[in-house]
Amino acid sequence: MSRQEITKLYLCCRNIANNMGNKSNKTDVFRTNSNEKDSDTIRERDPAQRTDFITEFNLLSRWDEYGDVADNAIQVSDHGSDISLGARFPLKKINETVKLTMNTKIFDAEGSRVGMFEEFREYSVNDSADEYMWESVHLYNTEGWKSGWYTAEVVVRDIHRNAVTFPTEIEFQIL
C-alpha cells in the first residue's frame, strides 16, 4: 500500500470513529496530500456552514495596523523578497474572545503549491459589539520561486460562528 493510500484509509477510519454515535447531519470530507491545486489534507464542513465573510484579501506592500489590508494592496512583488498576504473579515465574539483558523496557500502558474501556512488564534478583545472586524497576515519568502504569475488562496474558519469561508483567490506577479 502506498503512503497516500494509507493516509486515506487512516483519515476515513478516524472520521468514522469520531462520528460513531453522532446523530448530527454534519460530515467531514478529507483530501490527501499531492502537488495538485486541490490537494492537502483539509477538513471541509457541511456546505450549509460555508459562507462568504472575507471582505478583503490582498498581497500587501506592508502591514502595520488595521486597515493596511486594503490600504497597502499591491499586485506585483520582487523576486526573492518577503511577501505578505492579508485578509480582513468579521469574527463572532463570545466572552470577550475571538477564535479563528486561517489557511493560505500559494500556487505557481502550473498549479503546483509553492507555499502554505495555517494559523490557529484566540484573542481577547475589548469591544461591545457581537462581531469584531479582524485582519490577519501571513508572510512568505519568495526565494527560489520563478518569476511569473501566482495564485493565492485563503480560507478562514470562525470557530465561535462554526462557519468556514469559501476559498477566496487573488493573482499576483513576482518579477
Protein backbone atom coordinates (compact mmCIF):
# COMPACT_ATOMS: atom_id res chain seq x y z
CA MET A 1 0.00 0.00 0.00
CA SER A 2 1.33 3.45 -0.86
CA ARG A 3 1.68 6.18 1.76
CA GLN A 4 -1.16 8.11 0.11
CA GLU A 5 -3.49 5.07 0.30
CA ILE A 6 -2.57 4.51 3.97
CA THR A 7 -3.27 8.18 4.73
CA LYS A 8 -6.69 7.97 3.02
CA LEU A 9 -7.55 4.81 4.97
CA TYR A 10 -6.43 6.32 8.27
CA LEU A 11 -8.42 9.52 7.72
CA CYS A 12 -11.51 7.59 6.68
CA CYS A 13 -11.29 5.34 9.77
CA ARG A 14 -10.65 8.31 12.05
CA ASN A 15 -13.67 10.08 10.56
CA ILE A 16 -15.90 7.04 11.12
CA ALA A 17 -14.62 6.60 14.71
CA ASN A 18 -15.15 10.28 15.51
CA ASN A 19 -18.73 10.17 14.20
CA MET A 20 -19.85 6.91 15.85
CA GLY A 21 -22.93 7.66 17.88
CA ASN A 22 -23.07 11.19 16.49
CA LYS A 23 -26.63 11.90 15.36
CA SER A 24 -25.61 15.12 13.59
CA ASN A 25 -26.00 15.51 9.84
CA LYS A 26 -22.56 17.16 9.61
CA THR A 27 -19.97 15.28 7.62
CA ASP A 28 -16.24 15.70 7.20
CA VAL A 29 -14.55 15.27 3.85
CA PHE A 30 -10.80 14.76 3.59
CA ARG A 31 -8.47 15.25 0.67
CA THR A 32 -4.95 13.89 0.88
CA ASN A 33 -1.53 15.22 0.01
CA SER A 34 -0.27 15.66 -3.54
CA ASN A 35 1.21 18.55 -5.50
CA GLU A 36 -2.03 19.41 -7.27
CA LYS A 37 -4.01 22.57 -6.63
CA ASP A 38 -6.92 20.84 -4.84
CA SER A 39 -4.62 18.90 -2.57
CA ASP A 40 -3.61 18.90 1.08
CA THR A 41 -5.34 17.25 3.95
CA ILE A 42 -8.10 19.69 4.74
CA ARG A 43 -11.39 19.30 6.53
CA GLU A 44 -14.45 20.81 4.93
CA ARG A 45 -17.62 21.38 6.91
CA ASP A 46 -21.15 20.81 5.72
CA PRO A 47 -21.75 23.13 2.73
CA ALA A 48 -24.60 24.77 4.65
CA GLN A 49 -21.94 26.12 7.02
CA ARG A 50 -19.90 27.59 4.16
CA THR A 51 -20.26 31.32 3.76
CA ASP A 52 -18.56 34.40 2.33
CA PHE A 53 -17.38 36.63 5.14
CA ILE A 54 -13.92 37.63 3.88
CA THR A 55 -14.22 41.32 2.97
CA GLU A 56 -10.64 41.87 1.68
CA PHE A 57 -7.78 39.61 0.60
CA ASN A 58 -4.65 41.10 -0.94
CA LEU A 59 -0.92 40.92 -1.49
CA LEU A 60 0.49 43.73 0.67
CA SER A 61 3.45 46.07 0.45
CA ARG A 62 3.48 46.00 4.26
CA TRP A 63 1.15 45.60 7.23
CA ASP A 64 1.49 47.78 10.31
CA GLU A 65 -2.05 48.33 11.56
CA TYR A 66 -5.71 47.63 10.95
CA GLY A 67 -6.72 48.99 7.54
CA ASP A 68 -3.48 48.07 5.79
CA VAL A 69 -5.07 45.01 4.12
CA ALA A 70 -6.92 47.43 1.85
CA ASP A 71 -4.64 50.49 2.02
CA ASN A 72 -1.38 48.68 1.15
CA ALA A 73 -2.64 46.28 -1.53
CA ILE A 74 -0.27 45.59 -4.43
CA GLN A 75 -0.25 43.18 -7.38
CA VAL A 76 3.49 42.82 -8.04
CA SER A 77 6.47 41.98 -5.83
CA ASP A 78 10.19 41.48 -6.40
CA HIS A 79 11.75 38.04 -6.78
CA GLY A 80 13.44 36.85 -3.58
CA SER A 81 11.60 39.29 -1.34
CA ASP A 82 9.28 38.59 1.57
CA ILE A 83 5.62 38.96 0.69
CA SER A 84 2.59 39.44 2.90
CA LEU A 85 -0.91 38.09 2.24
CA GLY A 86 -3.58 39.79 4.31
CA ALA A 87 -7.26 39.15 4.84
CA ARG A 88 -10.00 41.13 6.59
CA PHE A 89 -13.13 39.50 8.00
CA PRO A 90 -15.63 39.78 10.87
CA LEU A 91 -15.43 37.31 13.76
CA LYS A 92 -18.12 36.47 16.27
CA LYS A 93 -17.12 37.50 19.78
CA ILE A 94 -18.02 35.32 22.78
CA ASN A 95 -16.82 36.00 26.33
CA GLU A 96 -14.59 38.84 25.09
CA THR A 97 -12.65 36.49 22.73
CA VAL A 98 -12.48 35.71 19.03
CA LYS A 99 -11.22 32.35 17.72
CA LEU A 100 -10.14 31.58 14.19
CA THR A 101 -8.11 29.45 11.87
CA MET A 102 -6.76 30.95 8.68
CA ASN A 103 -5.15 28.93 5.92
CA THR A 104 -3.32 30.45 2.96
CA LYS A 105 -1.83 28.62 0.01
CA ILE A 106 0.15 29.88 -2.96
CA PHE A 107 0.27 28.13 -6.34
CA ASP A 108 2.53 28.83 -9.31
CA ALA A 109 1.29 29.17 -12.89
CA GLU A 110 1.42 25.38 -13.37
CA GLY A 111 -0.83 24.82 -10.34
CA SER A 112 1.88 23.44 -8.04
CA ARG A 113 1.71 24.60 -4.45
CA VAL A 114 4.78 26.65 -3.53
CA GLY A 115 3.66 27.77 -0.07
CA MET A 116 1.16 27.05 2.66
CA PHE A 117 0.58 28.49 6.13
CA GLU A 118 -2.13 27.75 8.69
CA GLU A 119 -2.69 29.53 11.97
CA PHE A 120 -4.98 28.99 14.91
CA ARG A 121 -5.55 32.04 17.08
CA GLU A 122 -7.60 33.04 20.08
CA TYR A 123 -7.53 36.70 21.06
CA SER A 124 -9.10 38.76 23.81
CA VAL A 125 -10.93 41.81 22.51
CA ASN A 126 -12.43 44.72 24.41
CA ASP A 127 -15.28 45.82 22.23
CA SER A 128 -19.00 46.00 22.92
CA ALA A 129 -20.08 44.64 19.52
CA ASP A 130 -21.01 40.98 18.98
CA GLU A 131 -18.81 40.90 15.87
CA TYR A 132 -15.26 42.16 15.61
CA MET A 133 -13.53 43.12 12.33
CA TRP A 134 -10.18 41.37 12.13
CA GLU A 135 -7.13 41.44 9.87
CA SER A 136 -4.64 38.60 9.72
CA VAL A 137 -1.41 38.46 7.69
CA HIS A 138 0.76 35.55 6.54
CA LEU A 139 4.37 36.09 5.44
CA TYR A 140 6.18 34.14 2.72
CA ASN A 141 9.71 34.35 1.32
CA THR A 142 9.86 34.10 -2.47
CA GLU A 143 13.50 32.96 -2.61
CA GLY A 144 13.69 30.13 -5.14
CA TRP A 145 10.37 30.98 -6.82
CA LYS A 146 10.32 31.60 -10.56
CA SER A 147 9.31 34.96 -11.97
CA GLY A 148 5.72 34.87 -13.15
CA TRP A 149 2.10 34.78 -12.04
CA TYR A 150 0.93 33.16 -8.81
CA THR A 151 -2.46 32.45 -7.27
CA ALA A 152 -3.03 32.82 -3.54
CA GLU A 153 -5.99 31.27 -1.75
CA VAL A 154 -7.33 31.93 1.73
CA VAL A 155 -9.88 30.04 3.84
CA VAL A 156 -10.99 31.31 7.25
CA ARG A 157 -12.89 29.45 9.96
CA ASP A 158 -14.68 31.46 12.63
CA ILE A 159 -14.77 28.95 15.47
CA HIS A 160 -17.43 30.78 17.52
CA ARG A 161 -19.72 31.05 14.49
CA ASN A 162 -18.88 27.47 13.41
CA ALA A 163 -18.59 28.71 9.84
CA VAL A 164 -15.94 28.34 7.14
CA THR A 165 -15.48 30.66 4.18
CA PHE A 166 -15.44 29.55 0.61
CA PRO A 167 -11.87 29.80 -0.73
CA THR A 168 -11.07 33.34 -1.89
CA GLU A 169 -8.36 33.75 -4.54
CA ILE A 170 -6.16 36.54 -5.85
CA GLU A 171 -3.49 36.60 -8.54
CA PHE A 172 -0.19 38.44 -8.27
CA GLN A 173 3.10 38.61 -10.11
CA ILE A 174 6.69 38.03 -8.99
CA LEU A 175 9.22 39.92 -11.15
